[in-house]
């Protein structure tokens, strides 16, 4: 059973700026989404959701390479506030916070390390729901490896996956080139952990 998003429309107006390692995105957004569960070929109960929000996204980067970084860091922060309404949900305000930090450190003799910490939270009264794109899911190559993309998340009563109100993931990795002749082809050992949930 999977969540289907039918008729998902997002409109965004904003401004993006970049200056010496800092990217800044300020925008207002409105979204209308219809979310339905599907069991086999039967579409189950659908919910129409509407959200309008003002948002600020900031990214700081200090890396030795944009393609294959080995030293430096990336910091991301997102904040937003808005109003949500729809069928089966109470009309009300909501906030969304998200942060992610990734660090890279060479260990010497062509050994490299990487660590990541990520967290997010939707703030609202329990009976105020927001579209799935505003909620959180974990899983996938850039999250918790070994799990399919965006599948570590809460389940609805019908067994379909849906976004959670909060998320955290963490990762620690060491890596080394396979050979000196192939310096950009690495093997890695890692530990990932995390989950998206409602509580």
Protein backbone atom coordinates (compact mmCIF):
# COMPACT_ATOMS: atom_id res chain seq x y z
CA UNK A 1 0.00 0.00 0.00
CA UNK A 2 1.41 3.35 -0.98
CA UNK A 3 0.41 6.97 -0.67
CA UNK A 4 -0.61 8.53 -3.94
CA UNK A 5 -0.56 12.28 -4.32
CA UNK A 6 -3.15 13.25 -6.89
CA UNK A 7 -3.52 16.80 -8.15
CA UNK A 8 -0.59 18.30 -6.22
CA UNK A 9 -0.14 21.94 -7.27
CA UNK A 10 2.50 24.25 -5.75
CA UNK A 11 3.06 27.89 -6.61
CA UNK A 12 6.09 29.75 -5.29
CA UNK A 13 7.31 33.33 -5.54
CA UNK A 14 10.63 34.31 -4.05
CA UNK A 15 14.20 35.45 -4.39
CA UNK A 16 17.45 33.51 -4.28
CA UNK A 17 20.85 35.09 -3.58
CA UNK A 18 24.39 33.71 -3.29
CA UNK A 19 27.42 35.36 -1.72
CA UNK A 20 30.74 33.87 -0.54
CA UNK A 21 29.57 30.46 0.63
CA UNK A 22 26.05 31.52 1.66
CA UNK A 23 22.90 30.72 -0.31
CA UNK A 24 19.69 32.41 0.75
CA UNK A 25 16.19 31.67 -0.51
CA UNK A 26 13.17 33.69 0.65
CA UNK A 27 9.76 32.79 -0.76
CA UNK A 28 6.03 32.55 -0.24
CA UNK A 29 4.29 29.40 -1.36
CA UNK A 30 0.80 28.07 -1.73
CA UNK A 31 0.06 24.39 -2.22
CA UNK A 32 -3.06 22.38 -2.89
CA UNK A 33 -2.72 18.61 -2.55
CA UNK A 34 -5.05 15.63 -2.71
CA UNK A 35 -3.62 12.66 -0.84
CA UNK A 36 -5.13 9.21 -1.29
CA UNK A 37 -4.28 5.75 -0.08
CA UNK A 38 -4.25 2.92 -2.60
CA UNK A 39 -4.71 -0.76 -1.91
CA UNK A 40 -4.11 -2.87 -5.05
CA UNK A 41 -6.08 -0.95 -7.70
CA UNK A 42 -8.58 0.65 -5.33
CA UNK A 43 -8.07 4.29 -4.37
CA UNK A 44 -9.06 4.74 -0.75
CA UNK A 45 -10.18 7.76 1.28
CA UNK A 46 -8.77 10.99 -0.16
CA UNK A 47 -7.96 14.15 1.78
CA UNK A 48 -7.73 17.61 0.23
CA UNK A 49 -5.18 19.89 1.93
CA UNK A 50 -4.26 23.52 1.36
CA UNK A 51 -1.26 25.34 2.83
CA UNK A 52 0.08 28.87 2.39
CA UNK A 53 3.41 29.77 3.98
CA UNK A 54 6.33 32.21 4.11
CA UNK A 55 9.76 30.55 4.14
CA UNK A 56 13.46 31.21 4.62
CA UNK A 57 16.14 28.69 3.55
CA UNK A 58 19.84 29.25 4.31
CA UNK A 59 22.82 27.15 3.24
CA UNK A 60 26.43 27.75 4.31
CA UNK A 61 29.23 25.90 2.50
CA UNK A 62 32.99 25.79 3.06
CA UNK A 63 34.29 22.84 1.03
CA UNK A 64 37.51 21.99 -0.74
CA UNK A 65 35.54 20.49 -3.67
CA UNK A 66 31.92 20.74 -4.75
CA UNK A 67 32.08 17.36 -6.55
CA UNK A 68 34.02 15.17 -4.08
CA UNK A 69 34.54 17.08 -0.82
CA UNK A 70 37.16 15.82 1.65
CA UNK A 71 37.44 18.80 4.01
CA UNK A 72 34.94 21.37 5.21
CA UNK A 73 31.28 21.55 6.09
CA UNK A 74 27.78 22.26 4.82
CA UNK A 75 25.08 23.71 7.08
CA UNK A 76 21.44 23.99 6.05
CA UNK A 77 18.60 25.66 7.93
CA UNK A 78 14.98 26.06 6.87
CA UNK A 79 12.16 27.83 8.63
CA UNK A 80 8.61 28.53 7.60
CA UNK A 81 5.23 29.56 9.00
CA UNK A 82 1.82 29.51 7.47
CA UNK A 83 -1.84 28.56 7.50
CA UNK A 84 -3.27 25.13 6.63
CA UNK A 85 -6.80 23.92 5.99
CA UNK A 86 -8.62 21.17 4.16
CA UNK A 87 -11.06 18.29 4.37
CA UNK A 88 -10.74 16.19 7.50
CA UNK A 89 -8.45 18.71 9.22
CA UNK A 90 -8.88 21.76 11.40
CA UNK A 91 -7.94 25.15 9.93
CA UNK A 92 -4.97 26.63 11.76
CA UNK A 93 -1.41 27.87 11.77
CA UNK A 94 1.71 25.77 11.44
CA UNK A 95 5.47 26.15 11.53
CA UNK A 96 8.19 24.06 9.93
CA UNK A 97 11.82 23.84 11.08
CA UNK A 98 14.62 21.82 9.50
CA UNK A 99 18.39 21.69 9.98
CA UNK A 100 21.18 19.57 8.55
CA UNK A 101 24.92 19.63 9.22
CA UNK A 102 27.51 17.64 7.23
CA UNK A 103 31.23 17.64 8.00
CA UNK A 104 34.19 16.26 6.04
CA UNK A 105 37.62 15.57 7.53
CA UNK A 106 40.67 13.89 5.97
CA UNK A 107 42.30 11.34 8.28
CA UNK A 108 45.63 11.02 6.44
CA UNK A 109 47.11 8.42 4.07
CA UNK A 110 44.10 8.77 1.71
CA UNK A 111 41.54 7.99 4.44
CA UNK A 112 38.55 10.30 4.72
CA UNK A 113 35.65 10.70 7.11
CA UNK A 114 32.20 12.20 6.90
CA UNK A 115 29.48 12.79 9.51
CA UNK A 116 25.93 14.08 9.16
CA UNK A 117 23.17 15.08 11.56
CA UNK A 118 19.69 16.08 10.39
CA UNK A 119 16.46 16.98 12.13
CA UNK A 120 13.10 18.51 11.34
CA UNK A 121 9.79 19.28 13.00
CA UNK A 122 6.33 20.48 11.95
CA UNK A 123 4.76 22.58 14.71
CA UNK A 124 0.98 22.73 14.83
CA UNK A 125 -1.99 21.72 16.90
CA UNK A 126 -2.64 17.99 16.68
CA UNK A 127 -5.78 18.42 14.56
CA UNK A 128 -4.10 20.70 11.98
CA UNK A 129 -2.63 18.76 9.06
CA UNK A 130 -0.32 19.99 6.29
CA UNK A 131 0.44 18.52 2.83
CA UNK A 132 2.88 15.62 2.62
CA UNK A 133 5.55 17.83 1.03
CA UNK A 134 5.69 19.86 4.28
CA UNK A 135 6.10 16.72 6.41
CA UNK A 136 9.14 14.45 6.70
CA UNK A 137 10.26 11.05 5.46
CA UNK A 138 13.57 9.23 5.86
CA UNK A 139 15.27 6.50 3.84
CA UNK A 140 17.39 6.44 0.71
CA UNK A 141 20.96 7.08 -0.43
CA UNK A 142 21.19 10.55 1.13
CA UNK A 143 19.36 9.60 4.32
CA UNK A 144 19.30 6.08 5.83
CA UNK A 145 20.94 3.81 3.27
CA UNK A 146 19.62 0.28 2.90
CA UNK A 147 16.00 1.43 2.96
CA UNK A 148 13.99 2.50 -0.10
CA UNK A 149 13.70 6.24 -0.75
CA UNK A 150 11.38 8.05 1.72
CA UNK A 151 9.89 4.86 3.24
CA UNK A 152 10.96 5.29 6.89
CA UNK A 153 7.85 7.20 7.90
CA UNK A 154 4.53 6.68 9.71
CA UNK A 155 1.84 4.40 8.36
CA UNK A 156 -1.82 5.28 8.02
CA UNK A 157 -4.52 2.97 9.33
CA UNK A 158 -4.78 1.39 5.85
CA UNK A 159 -1.03 0.65 5.83
CA UNK A 160 -0.04 3.43 3.41
CA UNK A 161 3.11 5.48 4.06
CA UNK A 162 2.70 9.15 4.91
CA UNK A 163 4.98 11.96 6.02
CA UNK A 164 5.70 12.43 9.71
CA UNK A 165 5.66 15.55 11.85
CA UNK A 166 9.30 15.07 12.86
CA UNK A 167 12.48 13.47 11.56
CA UNK A 168 16.03 12.81 12.63
CA UNK A 169 18.85 11.03 10.83
CA UNK A 170 22.54 10.61 11.57
CA UNK A 171 25.45 9.10 9.67
CA UNK A 172 29.15 8.39 10.22
CA UNK A 173 31.34 7.17 7.35
CA UNK A 174 34.96 6.41 6.54
CA UNK A 175 36.16 6.07 2.95
CA UNK A 176 39.28 5.25 0.97
CA UNK A 177 40.09 5.16 -2.78
CA UNK A 178 40.17 1.68 -4.26
CA UNK A 179 43.59 2.28 -5.80
CA UNK A 180 46.00 5.18 -6.33
CA UNK A 181 45.23 4.93 -10.07
CA UNK A 182 41.52 5.58 -9.40
CA UNK A 183 41.54 8.37 -6.78
CA UNK A 184 37.90 9.34 -7.41
CA UNK A 185 36.49 5.80 -6.99
CA UNK A 186 36.11 5.02 -3.30
CA UNK A 187 34.82 2.29 -1.05
CA UNK A 188 33.15 3.28 2.20
CA UNK A 189 31.99 1.83 5.50
CA UNK A 190 29.16 3.63 7.25
CA UNK A 191 26.53 3.57 9.95
CA UNK A 192 23.22 5.34 9.27
CA UNK A 193 20.29 5.73 11.64
CA UNK A 194 17.08 7.66 11.68
CA UNK A 195 13.35 7.78 11.19
CA UNK A 196 10.43 10.07 10.48
CA UNK A 197 7.55 9.85 12.96
CA UNK A 198 4.62 11.75 14.44
CA UNK A 199 5.83 11.53 18.06
